[in-house]
Amino acid sequence: MGAEDGLAGEATPETAAPYCLAARFAGEADAGEAYGRAHEAIQAGPPCDLGGWRLQLAQVWHVVLLGEPPSPALGARLHEIMGRGEIVALPTAVLQRLQERRARARQRGPRLERHYWPGQPL
């Protein structure tokens, strides 16, 4: 993640997202459960513009929600779900990479879902 992949410098208004909630989990199953519950809460709640990722950072499973701030009720529910892990701040390079991916995905349509295996580059 650097100048060669277009992520050097600061986030632009198109890629900046004002809301980021991230948590790390003890294992893949715990992260998967949190990701699934967060996804269900987002789909069942009032319309919102959030993207979610389940990923490994330094071989530790994380769930990340990124986008526009949700309603207060949905935000509280998401904090409850993510609080089953440990809420963390993402490294700047990871946050920038996810913001870039989110911006590209939004150009393709309102909803895009993809799956990558550990070791595959984002």
PDB file of N, CA and C in Angstrom:
ATOM      1  N   MET A   1       0.851  -1.166   0.000  1.00  0.00           N
ATOM      2  CA  MET A   1       0.000   0.000   0.000  1.00  0.00           C
ATOM      3  C   MET A   1       0.895   1.228   0.000  1.00  0.00           C
ATOM      4  N   GLY A   2       0.964   1.862  -1.104  1.00  0.00           N
ATOM      5  CA  GLY A   2       1.812   3.029  -1.218  1.00  0.00           C
ATOM      6  C   GLY A   2       1.539   3.747  -2.508  1.00  0.00           C
ATOM      7  N   ALA A   3       2.512   4.511  -2.959  1.00  0.00           N
ATOM      8  CA  ALA A   3       2.334   5.332  -4.147  1.00  0.00           C
ATOM      9  C   ALA A   3       1.993   4.505  -5.378  1.00  0.00           C
ATOM     10  N   GLU A   4       2.544   3.287  -5.461  1.00  0.00           N
ATOM     11  CA  GLU A   4       2.299   2.479  -6.648  1.00  0.00           C
ATOM     12  C   GLU A   4       0.853   2.020  -6.782  1.00  0.00           C
ATOM     13  N   ASP A   5       0.099   1.959  -5.689  1.00  0.00           N
ATOM     14  CA  ASP A   5      -1.303   1.550  -5.814  1.00  0.00           C
ATOM     15  C   ASP A   5      -2.263   2.711  -5.610  1.00  0.00           C
ATOM     16  N   GLY A   6      -1.751   3.924  -5.672  1.00  0.00           N
ATOM     17  CA  GLY A   6      -2.618   5.094  -5.638  1.00  0.00           C
ATOM     18  C   GLY A   6      -3.137   5.451  -4.257  1.00  0.00           C
ATOM     19  N   LEU A   7      -2.489   4.959  -3.197  1.00  0.00           N
ATOM     20  CA  LEU A   7      -2.995   5.231  -1.859  1.00  0.00           C
ATOM     21  C   LEU A   7      -2.121   6.200  -1.074  1.00  0.00           C
ATOM     22  N   ALA A   8      -1.112   6.764  -1.723  1.00  0.00           N
ATOM     23  CA  ALA A   8      -0.266   7.718  -1.020  1.00  0.00           C
ATOM     24  C   ALA A   8      -1.022   9.024  -0.814  1.00  0.00           C
ATOM     25  N   GLY A   9      -0.689   9.723   0.235  1.00  0.00           N
ATOM     26  CA  GLY A   9      -1.332  11.019   0.484  1.00  0.00           C
ATOM     27  C   GLY A   9      -2.593  10.878   1.303  1.00  0.00           C
ATOM     28  N   GLU A  10      -3.328  11.957   1.415  1.00  0.00           N
ATOM     29  CA  GLU A  10      -4.527  11.983   2.240  1.00  0.00           C
ATOM     30  C   GLU A  10      -5.740  11.493   1.470  1.00  0.00           C
ATOM     31  N   ALA A  11      -6.755  11.094   2.216  1.00  0.00           N
ATOM     32  CA  ALA A  11      -8.008  10.659   1.599  1.00  0.00           C
ATOM     33  C   ALA A  11      -8.686  11.852   0.951  1.00  0.00           C
ATOM     34  N   THR A  12      -9.286  11.618  -0.187  1.00  0.00           N
ATOM     35  CA  THR A  12     -10.019  12.670  -0.880  1.00  0.00           C
ATOM     36  C   THR A  12     -11.455  12.688  -0.386  1.00  0.00           C
ATOM     37  N   PRO A  13     -12.226  13.748  -0.657  1.00  0.00           N
ATOM     38  CA  PRO A  13     -13.619  13.762  -0.225  1.00  0.00           C
ATOM     39  C   PRO A  13     -14.421  12.585  -0.773  1.00  0.00           C
ATOM     40  N   GLU A  14     -14.063  12.073  -1.951  1.00  0.00           N
ATOM     41  CA  GLU A  14     -14.801  10.949  -2.524  1.00  0.00           C
ATOM     42  C   GLU A  14     -14.538   9.661  -1.761  1.00  0.00           C
ATOM     43  N   THR A  15     -13.341   9.527  -1.155  1.00  0.00           N
ATOM     44  CA  THR A  15     -13.005   8.289  -0.473  1.00  0.00           C
ATOM     45  C   THR A  15     -13.153   8.393   1.035  1.00  0.00           C
ATOM     46  N   ALA A  16     -13.238   9.596   1.571  1.00  0.00           N
ATOM     47  CA  ALA A  16     -13.335   9.750   3.016  1.00  0.00           C
ATOM     48  C   ALA A  16     -14.693   9.267   3.511  1.00  0.00           C
ATOM     49  N   ALA A  17     -14.679   8.565   4.597  1.00  0.00           N
ATOM     50  CA  ALA A  17     -15.912   8.112   5.218  1.00  0.00           C
ATOM     51  C   ALA A  17     -15.901   8.569   6.669  1.00  0.00           C
ATOM     52  N   PRO A  18     -16.933   9.260   7.101  1.00  0.00           N
ATOM     53  CA  PRO A  18     -16.910   9.818   8.448  1.00  0.00           C
ATOM     54  C   PRO A  18     -17.148   8.799   9.562  1.00  0.00           C
ATOM     55  N   TYR A  19     -17.567   7.588   9.237  1.00  0.00           N
ATOM     56  CA  TYR A  19     -17.890   6.604  10.259  1.00  0.00           C
ATOM     57  C   TYR A  19     -17.053   5.359  10.041  1.00  0.00           C
ATOM     58  N   CYS A  20     -16.357   4.938  11.070  1.00  0.00           N
ATOM     59  CA  CYS A  20     -15.595   3.696  11.016  1.00  0.00           C
ATOM     60  C   CYS A  20     -15.700   3.032  12.384  1.00  0.00           C
ATOM     61  N   LEU A  21     -16.158   1.802  12.389  1.00  0.00           N
ATOM     62  CA  LEU A  21     -16.232   1.010  13.610  1.00  0.00           C
ATOM     63  C   LEU A  21     -15.527  -0.304  13.314  1.00  0.00           C
ATOM     64  N   ALA A  22     -14.478  -0.587  14.066  1.00  0.00           N
ATOM     65  CA  ALA A  22     -13.689  -1.793  13.836  1.00  0.00           C
ATOM     66  C   ALA A  22     -13.473  -2.516  15.163  1.00  0.00           C
ATOM     67  N   ALA A  23     -13.433  -3.830  15.081  1.00  0.00           N
ATOM     68  CA  ALA A  23     -13.167  -4.645  16.267  1.00  0.00           C
ATOM     69  C   ALA A  23     -12.373  -5.872  15.869  1.00  0.00           C
ATOM     70  N   ARG A  24     -11.534  -6.324  16.783  1.00  0.00           N
ATOM     71  CA  ARG A  24     -10.801  -7.571  16.556  1.00  0.00           C
ATOM     72  C   ARG A  24     -11.427  -8.659  17.410  1.00  0.00           C
ATOM     73  N   PHE A  25     -11.303  -9.888  16.917  1.00  0.00           N
ATOM     74  CA  PHE A  25     -11.975 -11.015  17.552  1.00  0.00           C
ATOM     75  C   PHE A  25     -10.993 -12.158  17.787  1.00  0.00           C
ATOM     76  N   ALA A  26     -11.355 -13.026  18.728  1.00  0.00           N
ATOM     77  CA  ALA A  26     -10.480 -14.130  19.124  1.00  0.00           C
ATOM     78  C   ALA A  26     -10.239 -15.119  17.994  1.00  0.00           C
ATOM     79  N   GLY A  27     -11.201 -15.256  17.094  1.00  0.00           N
ATOM     80  CA  GLY A  27     -11.039 -16.226  16.016  1.00  0.00           C
ATOM     81  C   GLY A  27     -11.970 -15.938  14.861  1.00  0.00           C
ATOM     82  N   GLU A  28     -11.827 -16.762  13.838  1.00  0.00           N
ATOM     83  CA  GLU A  28     -12.614 -16.593  12.620  1.00  0.00           C
ATOM     84  C   GLU A  28     -14.112 -16.748  12.888  1.00  0.00           C
ATOM     85  N   ALA A  29     -14.484 -17.711  13.719  1.00  0.00           N
ATOM     86  CA  ALA A  29     -15.907 -17.941  13.994  1.00  0.00           C
ATOM     87  C   ALA A  29     -16.537 -16.745  14.698  1.00  0.00           C
ATOM     88  N   ASP A  30     -15.844 -16.183  15.679  1.00  0.00           N
ATOM     89  CA  ASP A  30     -16.371 -15.007  16.396  1.00  0.00           C
ATOM     90  C   ASP A  30     -16.515 -13.814  15.453  1.00  0.00           C
ATOM     91  N   ALA A  31     -15.513 -13.606  14.609  1.00  0.00           N
ATOM     92  CA  ALA A  31     -15.581 -12.508  13.640  1.00  0.00           C
ATOM     93  C   ALA A  31     -16.712 -12.749  12.647  1.00  0.00           C
ATOM     94  N   GLY A  32     -16.875 -13.993  12.213  1.00  0.00           N
ATOM     95  CA  GLY A  32     -17.944 -14.318  11.275  1.00  0.00           C
ATOM     96  C   GLY A  32     -19.314 -14.076  11.871  1.00  0.00           C
ATOM     97  N   GLU A  33     -19.477 -14.425  13.135  1.00  0.00           N
ATOM     98  CA  GLU A  33     -20.755 -14.200  13.804  1.00  0.00           C
ATOM     99  C   GLU A  33     -21.043 -12.697  13.920  1.00  0.00           C
ATOM    100  N   ALA A  34     -20.042 -11.921  14.306  1.00  0.00           N
ATOM    101  CA  ALA A  34     -20.227 -10.475  14.423  1.00  0.00           C
ATOM    102  C   ALA A  34     -20.527  -9.857  13.065  1.00  0.00           C
ATOM    103  N   TYR A  35     -19.798 -10.289  12.038  1.00  0.00           N
ATOM    104  CA  TYR A  35     -20.034  -9.768  10.691  1.00  0.00           C
ATOM    105  C   TYR A  35     -21.463 -10.071  10.248  1.00  0.00           C
ATOM    106  N   GLY A  36     -21.896 -11.312  10.460  1.00  0.00           N
ATOM    107  CA  GLY A  36     -23.252 -11.706  10.069  1.00  0.00           C
ATOM    108  C   GLY A  36     -24.313 -10.914  10.810  1.00  0.00           C
ATOM    109  N   ARG A  37     -24.134 -10.744  12.110  1.00  0.00           N
ATOM    110  CA  ARG A  37     -25.108  -9.981  12.899  1.00  0.00           C
ATOM    111  C   ARG A  37     -25.128  -8.511  12.486  1.00  0.00           C
ATOM    112  N   ALA A  38     -23.955  -7.951  12.223  1.00  0.00           N
ATOM    113  CA  ALA A  38     -23.900  -6.557  11.778  1.00  0.00           C
ATOM    114  C   ALA A  38     -24.595  -6.414  10.426  1.00  0.00           C
ATOM    115  N   HIS A  39     -24.349  -7.342   9.527  1.00  0.00           N
ATOM    116  CA  HIS A  39     -24.979  -7.319   8.211  1.00  0.00           C
ATOM    117  C   HIS A  39     -26.501  -7.383   8.345  1.00  0.00           C
ATOM    118  N   GLU A  40     -26.989  -8.285   9.186  1.00  0.00           N
ATOM    119  CA  GLU A  40     -28.432  -8.404   9.408  1.00  0.00           C
ATOM    120  C   GLU A  40     -29.008  -7.124  10.002  1.00  0.00           C
ATOM    121  N   ALA A  41     -28.311  -6.529  10.964  1.00  0.00           N
ATOM    122  CA  ALA A  41     -28.789  -5.290  11.592  1.00  0.00           C
ATOM    123  C   ALA A  41     -28.851  -4.155  10.582  1.00  0.00           C
ATOM    124  N   ILE A  42     -27.859  -4.072   9.722  1.00  0.00           N
ATOM    125  CA  ILE A  42     -27.830  -3.022   8.694  1.00  0.00           C
ATOM    126  C   ILE A  42     -28.983  -3.219   7.718  1.00  0.00           C
ATOM    127  N   GLN A  43     -29.215  -4.461   7.297  1.00  0.00           N
ATOM    128  CA  GLN A  43     -30.287  -4.740   6.344  1.00  0.00           C
ATOM    129  C   GLN A  43     -31.670  -4.524   6.958  1.00  0.00           C
ATOM    130  N   ALA A  44     -31.829  -4.826   8.240  1.00  0.00           N
ATOM    131  CA  ALA A  44     -33.130  -4.724   8.899  1.00  0.00           C
ATOM    132  C   ALA A  44     -33.439  -3.308   9.375  1.00  0.00           C
ATOM    133  N   GLY A  45     -32.414  -2.507   9.567  1.00  0.00           N
ATOM    134  CA  GLY A  45     -32.605  -1.169  10.116  1.00  0.00           C
ATOM    135  C   GLY A  45     -33.032  -0.168   9.064  1.00  0.00           C
ATOM    136  N   PRO A  46     -33.086   1.104   9.483  1.00  0.00           N
ATOM    137  CA  PRO A  46     -33.415   2.152   8.524  1.00  0.00           C
ATOM    138  C   PRO A  46     -32.323   2.232   7.455  1.00  0.00           C
ATOM    139  N   PRO A  47     -32.659   2.741   6.269  1.00  0.00           N
ATOM    140  CA  PRO A  47     -31.651   2.820   5.205  1.00  0.00           C
ATOM    141  C   PRO A  47     -30.385   3.530   5.686  1.00  0.00           C
ATOM    142  N   CYS A  48     -29.262   2.947   5.344  1.00  0.00           N
ATOM    143  CA  CYS A  48     -27.977   3.556   5.700  1.00  0.00           C
ATOM    144  C   CYS A  48     -26.950   3.177   4.640  1.00  0.00           C
ATOM    145  N   ASP A  49     -25.864   3.885   4.645  1.00  0.00           N
ATOM    146  CA  ASP A  49     -24.801   3.684   3.664  1.00  0.00           C
ATOM    147  C   ASP A  49     -23.550   3.209   4.400  1.00  0.00           C
ATOM    148  N   LEU A  50     -23.514   1.920   4.694  1.00  0.00           N
ATOM    149  CA  LEU A  50     -22.379   1.324   5.388  1.00  0.00           C
ATOM    150  C   LEU A  50     -21.880   0.116   4.619  1.00  0.00           C
ATOM    151  N   GLY A  51     -20.578  -0.045   4.593  1.00  0.00           N
ATOM    152  CA  GLY A  51     -19.975  -1.242   4.039  1.00  0.00           C
ATOM    153  C   GLY A  51     -19.331  -2.021   5.165  1.00  0.00           C
ATOM    154  N   GLY A  52     -19.249  -3.334   5.009  1.00  0.00           N
ATOM    155  CA  GLY A  52     -18.652  -4.167   6.039  1.00  0.00           C
ATOM    156  C   GLY A  52     -17.607  -5.101   5.476  1.00  0.00           C
ATOM    157  N   TRP A  53     -16.596  -5.357   6.266  1.00  0.00           N
ATOM    158  CA  TRP A  53     -15.528  -6.274   5.897  1.00  0.00           C
ATOM    159  C   TRP A  53     -15.201  -7.164   7.085  1.00  0.00           C
ATOM    160  N   ARG A  54     -14.896  -8.415   6.783  1.00  0.00           N
ATOM    161  CA  ARG A  54     -14.310  -9.330   7.767  1.00  0.00           C
ATOM    162  C   ARG A  54     -12.957  -9.692   7.194  1.00  0.00           C
ATOM    163  N   LEU A  55     -11.910  -9.396   7.928  1.00  0.00           N
ATOM    164  CA  LEU A  55     -10.570  -9.566   7.384  1.00  0.00           C
ATOM    165  C   LEU A  55      -9.565  -9.893   8.472  1.00  0.00           C
ATOM    166  N   GLN A  56      -8.405 -10.347   8.046  1.00  0.00           N
ATOM    167  CA  GLN A  56      -7.312 -10.624   8.962  1.00  0.00           C
ATOM    168  C   GLN A  56      -6.265  -9.530   8.849  1.00  0.00           C
ATOM    169  N   LEU A  57      -5.841  -9.028   9.991  1.00  0.00           N
ATOM    170  CA  LEU A  57      -4.715  -8.102  10.069  1.00  0.00           C
ATOM    171  C   LEU A  57      -3.714  -8.730  11.024  1.00  0.00           C
ATOM    172  N   ALA A  58      -2.502  -8.958  10.557  1.00  0.00           N
ATOM    173  CA  ALA A  58      -1.471  -9.622  11.361  1.00  0.00           C
ATOM    174  C   ALA A  58      -2.001 -10.931  11.949  1.00  0.00           C
ATOM    175  N   GLN A  59      -2.730 -11.687  11.141  1.00  0.00           N
ATOM    176  CA  GLN A  59      -3.291 -12.989  11.484  1.00  0.00           C
ATOM    177  C   GLN A  59      -4.312 -12.923  12.621  1.00  0.00           C
ATOM    178  N   VAL A  60      -4.917 -11.757  12.823  1.00  0.00           N
ATOM    179  CA  VAL A  60      -5.978 -11.579  13.814  1.00  0.00           C
ATOM    180  C   VAL A  60      -7.232 -11.158  13.061  1.00  0.00           C
ATOM    181  N   TRP A  61      -8.355 -11.820  13.344  1.00  0.00           N
ATOM    182  CA  TRP A  61      -9.600 -11.538  12.640  1.00  0.00           C
ATOM    183  C   TRP A  61     -10.226 -10.237  13.125  1.00  0.00           C
ATOM    184  N   HIS A  62     -10.674  -9.417  12.175  1.00  0.00           N
ATOM    185  CA  HIS A  62     -11.312  -8.130  12.436  1.00  0.00           C
ATOM    186  C   HIS A  62     -12.604  -8.023  11.638  1.00  0.00           C
ATOM    187  N   VAL A  63     -13.506  -7.207  12.129  1.00  0.00           N
ATOM    188  CA  VAL A  63     -14.692  -6.791  11.383  1.00  0.00           C
ATOM    189  C   VAL A  63     -14.649  -5.269  11.350  1.00  0.00           C
ATOM    190  N   VAL A  64     -14.889  -4.715  10.164  1.00  0.00           N
ATOM    191  CA  VAL A  64     -14.839  -3.270   9.976  1.00  0.00           C
ATOM    192  C   VAL A  64     -16.131  -2.812   9.310  1.00  0.00           C
ATOM    193  N   LEU A  65     -16.721  -1.747   9.847  1.00  0.00           N
ATOM    194  CA  LEU A  65     -17.885  -1.099   9.246  1.00  0.00           C
ATOM    195  C   LEU A  65     -17.458   0.312   8.886  1.00  0.00           C
ATOM    196  N   LEU A  66     -17.729   0.718   7.653  1.00  0.00           N
ATOM    197  CA  LEU A  66     -17.233   1.983   7.140  1.00  0.00           C
ATOM    198  C   LEU A  66     -18.289   2.641   6.270  1.00  0.00           C
ATOM    199  N   GLY A  67     -18.514   3.923   6.470  1.00  0.00           N
ATOM    200  CA  GLY A  67     -19.478   4.634   5.634  1.00  0.00           C
ATOM    201  C   GLY A  67     -20.045   5.851   6.314  1.00  0.00           C
ATOM    202  N   GLU A  68     -21.304   6.118   6.007  1.00  0.00           N
ATOM    203  CA  GLU A  68     -21.993   7.250   6.609  1.00  0.00           C
ATOM    204  C   GLU A  68     -22.512   6.853   7.993  1.00  0.00           C
ATOM    205  N   PRO A  69     -22.570   7.778   8.934  1.00  0.00           N
ATOM    206  CA  PRO A  69     -23.046   7.427  10.278  1.00  0.00           C
ATOM    207  C   PRO A  69     -24.463   6.855  10.234  1.00  0.00           C
ATOM    208  N   PRO A  70     -24.688   5.750  10.935  1.00  0.00           N
ATOM    209  CA  PRO A  70     -26.033   5.165  10.988  1.00  0.00           C
ATOM    210  C   PRO A  70     -26.914   5.951  11.960  1.00  0.00           C
ATOM    211  N   SER A  71     -28.184   5.615  11.987  1.00  0.00           N
ATOM    212  CA  SER A  71     -29.096   6.224  12.958  1.00  0.00           C
ATOM    213  C   SER A  71     -28.599   5.903  14.368  1.00  0.00           C
ATOM    214  N   PRO A  72     -28.986   6.696  15.352  1.00  0.00           N
ATOM    215  CA  PRO A  72     -28.534   6.410  16.725  1.00  0.00           C
ATOM    216  C   PRO A  72     -28.889   4.993  17.192  1.00  0.00           C
ATOM    217  N   ALA A  73     -30.091   4.527  16.871  1.00  0.00           N
ATOM    218  CA  ALA A  73     -30.495   3.189  17.309  1.00  0.00           C
ATOM    219  C   ALA A  73     -29.640   2.114  16.631  1.00  0.00           C
ATOM    220  N   LEU A  74     -29.431   2.251  15.331  1.00  0.00           N
ATOM    221  CA  LEU A  74     -28.608   1.268  14.620  1.00  0.00           C
ATOM    222  C   LEU A  74     -27.161   1.361  15.096  1.00  0.00           C
ATOM    223  N   GLY A  75     -26.664   2.572  15.300  1.00  0.00           N
ATOM    224  CA  GLY A  75     -25.305   2.741  15.803  1.00  0.00           C
ATOM    225  C   GLY A  75     -25.104   2.046  17.136  1.00  0.00           C
ATOM    226  N   ALA A  76     -26.088   2.159  18.027  1.00  0.00           N
ATOM    227  CA  ALA A  76     -26.003   1.492  19.327  1.00  0.00           C
ATOM    228  C   ALA A  76     -25.994  -0.027  19.153  1.00  0.00           C
ATOM    229  N   ARG A  77     -26.831  -0.527  18.249  1.00  0.00           N
ATOM    230  CA  ARG A  77     -26.887  -1.966  17.995  1.00  0.00           C
ATOM    231  C   ARG A  77     -25.561  -2.466  17.424  1.00  0.00           C
ATOM    232  N   LEU A  78     -24.980  -1.707  16.495  1.00  0.00           N
ATOM    233  CA  LEU A  78     -23.700  -2.108  15.914  1.00  0.00           C
ATOM    234  C   LEU A  78     -22.589  -2.096  16.957  1.00  0.00           C
ATOM    235  N   HIS A  79     -22.593  -1.109  17.849  1.00  0.00           N
ATOM    236  CA  HIS A  79     -21.594  -1.070  18.929  1.00  0.00           C
ATOM    237  C   HIS A  79     -21.761  -2.270  19.859  1.00  0.00           C
ATOM    238  N   GLU A  80     -22.993  -2.657  20.107  1.00  0.00           N
ATOM    239  CA  GLU A  80     -23.260  -3.832  20.943  1.00  0.00           C
ATOM    240  C   GLU A  80     -22.699  -5.090  20.274  1.00  0.00           C
ATOM    241  N   ILE A  81     -22.953  -5.232  18.992  1.00  0.00           N
ATOM    242  CA  ILE A  81     -22.466  -6.397  18.241  1.00  0.00           C
ATOM    243  C   ILE A  81     -20.945  -6.419  18.220  1.00  0.00           C
ATOM    244  N   MET A  82     -20.354  -5.297  17.877  1.00  0.00           N
ATOM    245  CA  MET A  82     -18.894  -5.234  17.751  1.00  0.00           C
ATOM    246  C   MET A  82     -18.211  -5.292  19.119  1.00  0.00           C
ATOM    247  N   GLY A  83     -18.924  -4.890  20.159  1.00  0.00           N
ATOM    248  CA  GLY A  83     -18.376  -4.918  21.504  1.00  0.00           C
ATOM    249  C   GLY A  83     -18.123  -6.321  22.029  1.00  0.00           C
ATOM    250  N   ARG A  84     -18.597  -7.326  21.323  1.00  0.00           N
ATOM    251  CA  ARG A  84     -18.300  -8.714  21.703  1.00  0.00           C
ATOM    252  C   ARG A  84     -16.839  -9.048  21.414  1.00  0.00           C
ATOM    253  N   GLY A  85     -16.228  -8.214  20.584  1.00  0.00           N
ATOM    254  CA  GLY A  85     -14.789  -8.295  20.361  1.00  0.00           C
ATOM    255  C   GLY A  85     -14.156  -7.122  21.091  1.00  0.00           C
ATOM    256  N   GLU A  86     -13.013  -6.687  20.603  1.00  0.00           N
ATOM    257  CA  GLU A  86     -12.338  -5.520  21.175  1.00  0.00           C
ATOM    258  C   GLU A  86     -12.344  -4.411  20.130  1.00  0.00           C
ATOM    259  N   ILE A  87     -13.018  -3.302  20.447  1.00  0.00           N
ATOM    260  CA  ILE A  87     -13.060  -2.161  19.527  1.00  0.00           C
ATOM    261  C   ILE A  87     -11.638  -1.627  19.365  1.00  0.00           C
ATOM    262  N   VAL A  88     -11.238  -1.405  18.115  1.00  0.00           N
ATOM    263  CA  VAL A  88      -9.871  -0.954  17.822  1.00  0.00           C
ATOM    264  C   VAL A  88      -9.900   0.165  16.783  1.00  0.00           C
ATOM    265  N   ALA A  89      -8.810   0.891  16.721  1.00  0.00           N
ATOM    266  CA  ALA A  89      -8.584   1.850  15.643  1.00  0.00           C
ATOM    267  C   ALA A  89      -7.741   1.143  14.586  1.00  0.00           C
ATOM    268  N   LEU A  90      -8.129   1.303  13.335  1.00  0.00           N
ATOM    269  CA  LEU A  90      -7.381   0.676  12.250  1.00  0.00           C
ATOM    270  C   LEU A  90      -6.109   1.456  11.933  1.00  0.00           C
ATOM    271  N   PRO A  91      -5.071   0.765  11.495  1.00  0.00           N
ATOM    272  CA  PRO A  91      -3.897   1.488  10.988  1.00  0.00           C
ATOM    273  C   PRO A  91      -4.324   2.368   9.801  1.00  0.00           C
ATOM    274  N   THR A  92      -3.721   3.520   9.679  1.00  0.00           N
ATOM    275  CA  THR A  92      -4.078   4.479   8.636  1.00  0.00           C
ATOM    276  C   THR A  92      -4.045   3.863   7.247  1.00  0.00           C
ATOM    277  N   ALA A  93      -3.023   3.069   6.955  1.00  0.00           N
ATOM    278  CA  ALA A  93      -2.901   2.472   5.622  1.00  0.00           C
ATOM    279  C   ALA A  93      -4.068   1.526   5.334  1.00  0.00           C
ATOM    280  N   VAL A  94      -4.517   0.775   6.320  1.00  0.00           N
ATOM    281  CA  VAL A  94      -5.641  -0.143   6.134  1.00  0.00           C
ATOM    282  C   VAL A  94      -6.923   0.648   5.920  1.00  0.00           C
ATOM    283  N   LEU A  95      -7.130   1.666   6.736  1.00  0.00           N
ATOM    284  CA  LEU A  95      -8.321   2.503   6.590  1.00  0.00           C
ATOM    285  C   LEU A  95      -8.357   3.154   5.210  1.00  0.00           C
ATOM    286  N   GLN A  96      -7.238   3.673   4.753  1.00  0.00           N
ATOM    287  CA  GLN A  96      -7.193   4.291   3.422  1.00  0.00           C
ATOM    288  C   GLN A  96      -7.514   3.269   2.335  1.00  0.00           C
ATOM    289  N   ARG A  97      -6.978   2.066   2.477  1.00  0.00           N
ATOM    290  CA  ARG A  97      -7.221   1.022   1.478  1.00  0.00           C
ATOM    291  C   ARG A  97      -8.710   0.664   1.425  1.00  0.00           C
ATOM    292  N   LEU A  98      -9.352   0.516   2.582  1.00  0.00           N
ATOM    293  CA  LEU A  98     -10.774   0.193   2.614  1.00  0.00           C
ATOM    294  C   LEU A  98     -11.618   1.351   2.081  1.00  0.00           C
ATOM    295  N   GLN A  99     -11.239   2.582   2.374  1.00  0.00           N
ATOM    296  CA  GLN A  99     -11.958   3.738   1.831  1.00  0.00           C
ATOM    297  C   GLN A  99     -11.877   3.747   0.305  1.00  0.00           C
ATOM    298  N   GLU A 100     -10.708   3.430  -0.222  1.00  0.00           N
ATOM    299  CA  GLU A 100     -10.527   3.373  -1.678  1.00  0.00           C
ATOM    300  C   GLU A 100     -11.398   2.268  -2.276  1.00  0.00           C
ATOM    301  N   ARG A 101     -11.384   1.099  -1.666  1.00  0.00           N
ATOM    302  CA  ARG A 101     -12.210  -0.023  -2.160  1.00  0.00           C
ATOM    303  C   ARG A 101     -13.688   0.340  -2.100  1.00  0.00           C
ATOM    304  N   ARG A 102     -14.092   1.011  -1.034  1.00  0.00           N
ATOM    305  CA  ARG A 102     -15.493   1.416  -0.895  1.00  0.00           C
ATOM    306  C   ARG A 102     -15.882   2.404  -1.989  1.00  0.00           C
ATOM    307  N   ALA A 103     -15.016   3.352  -2.272  1.00  0.00           N
ATOM    308  CA  ALA A 103     -15.298   4.337  -3.323  1.00  0.00           C
ATOM    309  C   ALA A 103     -15.426   3.656  -4.687  1.00  0.00           C
ATOM    310  N   ARG A 104     -14.537   2.706  -4.984  1.00  0.00           N
ATOM    311  CA  ARG A 104     -14.617   1.984  -6.257  1.00  0.00           C
ATOM    312  C   ARG A 104     -15.888   1.149  -6.337  1.00  0.00           C
ATOM    313  N   ALA A 105     -16.246   0.480  -5.249  1.00  0.00           N
ATOM    314  CA  ALA A 105     -17.443  -0.356  -5.240  1.00  0.00           C
ATOM    315  C   ALA A 105     -18.701   0.489  -5.428  1.00  0.00           C
ATOM    316  N   ARG A 106     -18.733   1.663  -4.846  1.00  0.00           N
ATOM    317  CA  ARG A 106     -19.910   2.530  -4.975  1.00  0.00           C
ATOM    318  C   ARG A 106     -20.109   2.985  -6.410  1.00  0.00           C
ATOM    319  N   GLN A 107     -19.027   3.070  -7.175  1.00  0.00           N
ATOM    320  CA  GLN A 107     -19.145   3.442  -8.583  1.00  0.00           C
ATOM    321  C   GLN A 107     -19.816   2.328  -9.377  1.00  0.00           C
ATOM    322  N   ARG A 108     -19.701   1.099  -8.904  1.00  0.00           N
ATOM    323  CA  ARG A 108     -20.277  -0.054  -9.612  1.00  0.00           C
ATOM    324  C   ARG A 108     -21.747  -0.262  -9.296  1.00  0.00           C
ATOM    325  N   GLY A 109     -22.213   0.293  -8.199  1.00  0.00           N
ATOM    326  CA  GLY A 109     -23.614   0.114  -7.832  1.00  0.00           C
ATOM    327  C   GLY A 109     -23.816   0.250  -6.344  1.00  0.00           C
ATOM    328  N   PRO A 110     -25.074   0.182  -5.910  1.00  0.00           N
ATOM    329  CA  PRO A 110     -25.361   0.395  -4.502  1.00  0.00           C
ATOM    330  C   PRO A 110     -24.922  -0.741  -3.582  1.00  0.00           C
ATOM    331  N   ARG A 111     -24.757  -1.945  -4.118  1.00  0.00           N
ATOM    332  CA  ARG A 111     -24.364  -3.067  -3.271  1.00  0.00           C
ATOM    333  C   ARG A 111     -23.446  -3.989  -4.044  1.00  0.00           C
ATOM    334  N   LEU A 112     -22.324  -4.307  -3.443  1.00  0.00           N
ATOM    335  CA  LEU A 112     -21.354  -5.197  -4.066  1.00  0.00           C
ATOM    336  C   LEU A 112     -20.794  -6.091  -2.973  1.00  0.00           C
ATOM    337  N   GLU A 113     -20.781  -7.383  -3.221  1.00  0.00           N
ATOM    338  CA  GLU A 113     -20.244  -8.323  -2.240  1.00  0.00           C
ATOM    339  C   GLU A 113     -19.206  -9.186  -2.925  1.00  0.00           C
ATOM    340  N   ARG A 114     -18.046  -9.271  -2.288  1.00  0.00           N
ATOM    341  CA  ARG A 114     -16.967 -10.104  -2.809  1.00  0.00           C
ATOM    342  C   ARG A 114     -16.318 -10.830  -1.654  1.00  0.00           C
ATOM    343  N   HIS A 115     -15.678 -11.941  -1.963  1.00  0.00           N
ATOM    344  CA  HIS A 115     -15.002 -12.738  -0.945  1.00  0.00           C
ATOM    345  C   HIS A 115     -13.569 -12.988  -1.387  1.00  0.00           C
ATOM    346  N   TYR A 116     -12.628 -12.806  -0.457  1.00  0.00           N
ATOM    347  CA  TYR A 116     -11.225 -13.043  -0.705  1.00  0.00           C
ATOM    348  C   TYR A 116     -10.701 -13.980   0.383  1.00  0.00           C
ATOM    349  N   TRP A 117      -9.802 -14.862   0.019  1.00  0.00           N
ATOM    350  CA  TRP A 117      -9.217 -15.773   0.985  1.00  0.00           C
ATOM    351  C   TRP A 117      -7.998 -15.125   1.601  1.00  0.00           C
ATOM    352  N   PRO A 118      -7.614 -15.526   2.810  1.00  0.00           N
ATOM    353  CA  PRO A 118      -6.407 -14.972   3.436  1.00  0.00           C
ATOM    354  C   PRO A 118      -5.219 -15.074   2.490  1.00  0.00           C
ATOM    355  N   GLY A 119      -4.470 -14.005   2.421  1.00  0.00           N
ATOM    356  CA  GLY A 119      -3.312 -13.959   1.541  1.00  0.00           C
ATOM    357  C   GLY A 119      -3.590 -13.322   0.200  1.00  0.00           C
ATOM    358  N   GLN A 120      -4.854 -13.228  -0.205  1.00  0.00           N
ATOM    359  CA  GLN A 120      -5.184 -12.563  -1.455  1.00  0.00           C
ATOM    360  C   GLN A 120      -5.136 -11.052  -1.231  1.00  0.00           C
ATOM    361  N   PRO A 121      -4.540 -10.313  -2.152  1.00  0.00           N
ATOM    362  CA  PRO A 121      -4.514  -8.856  -1.982  1.00  0.00           C
ATOM    363  C   PRO A 121      -5.898  -8.258  -2.187  1.00  0.00           C
ATOM    364  N   LEU A 122      -6.177  -7.220  -1.408  1.00  0.00           N
ATOM    365  CA  LEU A 122      -7.426  -6.492  -1.585  1.00  0.00           C
ATOM    366  C   LEU A 122      -7.284  -5.607  -2.777  1.00  0.00           C
TER     367      LEU A 122
END
